[in-house]
Amino acid sequence: MLMWEISSGKPPFNNHEHDCDLALNIINGMRPKIISKVPLKYKNLMEQCWNANPSERPDIITLLKEIREIKLYYQNNPNELPQLKAKNI
């Protein structure tokens, strides 16, 4: 959820009551909508982190490696960095 908050600039589920219903919906697979211009590699990594099966989520070493690769790519290609604008999510 932290990756989603970084990309959207908003807390996840900010348009929902933070109650038992929301918790149950999340347990049942509800995820926040991903902002449209989020880079594909970042989006894929975020979705991997949301996997309901903890053993299928990336470990911290993999996560750090992937984030560093994404960061390096945009440092070397700053003109490709998307301008993310969160709408009413």
Protein backbone atom coordinates (compact mmCIF):
# COMPACT_ATOMS: atom_id res chain seq x y z
CA MET A 1 0.00 0.00 0.00
CA LEU A 2 2.95 2.30 0.56
CA MET A 3 3.90 2.09 -3.12
CA TRP A 4 0.33 3.02 -4.03
CA GLU A 5 0.37 5.99 -1.66
CA ILE A 6 3.70 7.18 -3.11
CA SER A 7 2.37 6.99 -6.68
CA SER A 8 -1.02 8.54 -5.95
CA GLY A 9 -0.08 11.10 -3.31
CA LYS A 10 -3.08 9.99 -1.25
CA PRO A 11 -3.72 7.44 1.48
CA PRO A 12 -5.22 4.19 0.15
CA PHE A 13 -9.00 3.94 0.34
CA ASN A 14 -9.30 7.60 1.34
CA ASN A 15 -12.80 7.64 -0.12
CA HIS A 16 -13.99 4.73 2.04
CA GLU A 17 -14.87 4.47 5.70
CA HIS A 18 -12.03 2.70 7.48
CA ASP A 19 -14.20 0.09 9.15
CA CYS A 20 -14.80 -3.67 9.32
CA ASP A 21 -16.41 -3.68 5.88
CA LEU A 22 -13.31 -2.18 4.30
CA ALA A 23 -11.07 -4.64 6.15
CA LEU A 24 -13.16 -7.57 4.90
CA ASN A 25 -13.15 -6.22 1.36
CA ILE A 26 -9.34 -5.95 1.45
CA ILE A 27 -9.06 -9.50 2.81
CA ASN A 28 -11.28 -10.60 -0.08
CA GLY A 29 -8.98 -9.00 -2.65
CA MET A 30 -10.12 -5.39 -2.97
CA ARG A 31 -7.22 -3.16 -3.99
CA PRO A 32 -7.10 0.55 -4.77
CA LYS A 33 -7.23 1.55 -8.42
CA ILE A 34 -3.75 2.22 -9.78
CA ILE A 35 -3.13 5.69 -11.20
CA SER A 36 -3.13 5.54 -15.02
CA LYS A 37 0.40 6.81 -15.73
CA VAL A 38 2.23 4.69 -13.17
CA PRO A 39 5.21 3.08 -14.95
CA LEU A 40 4.54 -0.55 -15.87
CA LYS A 41 7.50 -1.98 -13.92
CA TYR A 42 6.42 -0.07 -10.80
CA LYS A 43 2.80 -1.17 -11.28
CA ASN A 44 3.79 -4.81 -11.70
CA LEU A 45 6.00 -4.70 -8.61
CA MET A 46 3.23 -3.09 -6.58
CA GLU A 47 0.75 -5.76 -7.68
CA GLN A 48 3.24 -8.50 -6.75
CA CYS A 49 3.44 -6.99 -3.25
CA TRP A 50 -0.36 -7.20 -3.01
CA ASN A 51 -0.44 -10.95 -3.68
CA ALA A 52 -2.72 -12.66 -1.17
CA ASN A 53 -0.15 -15.44 -0.79
CA PRO A 54 2.80 -14.06 1.22
CA SER A 55 5.18 -16.64 -0.24
CA GLU A 56 4.52 -15.20 -3.72
CA ARG A 57 5.33 -11.62 -2.73
CA PRO A 58 8.84 -10.31 -3.45
CA ASP A 59 11.23 -10.40 -0.52
CA ILE A 60 12.90 -7.19 0.64
CA ILE A 61 16.09 -7.90 -1.34
CA THR A 62 14.11 -8.33 -4.57
CA LEU A 63 11.97 -5.31 -3.80
CA LEU A 64 15.00 -3.12 -3.16
CA LYS A 65 16.73 -4.37 -6.33
CA GLU A 66 13.66 -3.68 -8.49
CA ILE A 67 13.09 -0.22 -7.02
CA ARG A 68 16.75 0.66 -7.57
CA GLU A 69 16.49 -0.48 -11.21
CA ILE A 70 13.39 1.67 -11.73
CA LYS A 71 15.10 4.64 -10.08
CA LEU A 72 18.25 4.21 -12.18
CA TYR A 73 16.21 3.97 -15.38
CA TYR A 74 14.47 7.29 -14.71
CA GLN A 75 17.70 8.95 -13.60
CA ASN A 76 19.14 8.03 -16.99
CA ASN A 77 15.91 8.84 -18.87
CA PRO A 78 14.34 11.80 -17.04
CA ASN A 79 12.27 12.80 -20.08
CA GLU A 80 10.33 9.53 -19.72
CA LEU A 81 9.32 10.16 -16.12
CA PRO A 82 5.52 10.37 -16.11
CA GLN A 83 3.74 13.25 -14.47
CA LEU A 84 1.32 11.49 -12.18
CA LYS A 85 -1.86 13.27 -11.27
CA ALA A 86 -4.18 11.59 -8.85
CA LYS A 87 -7.83 12.19 -9.52
CA ASN A 88 -10.66 11.50 -7.13
CA ILE A 89 -9.72 7.94 -6.28
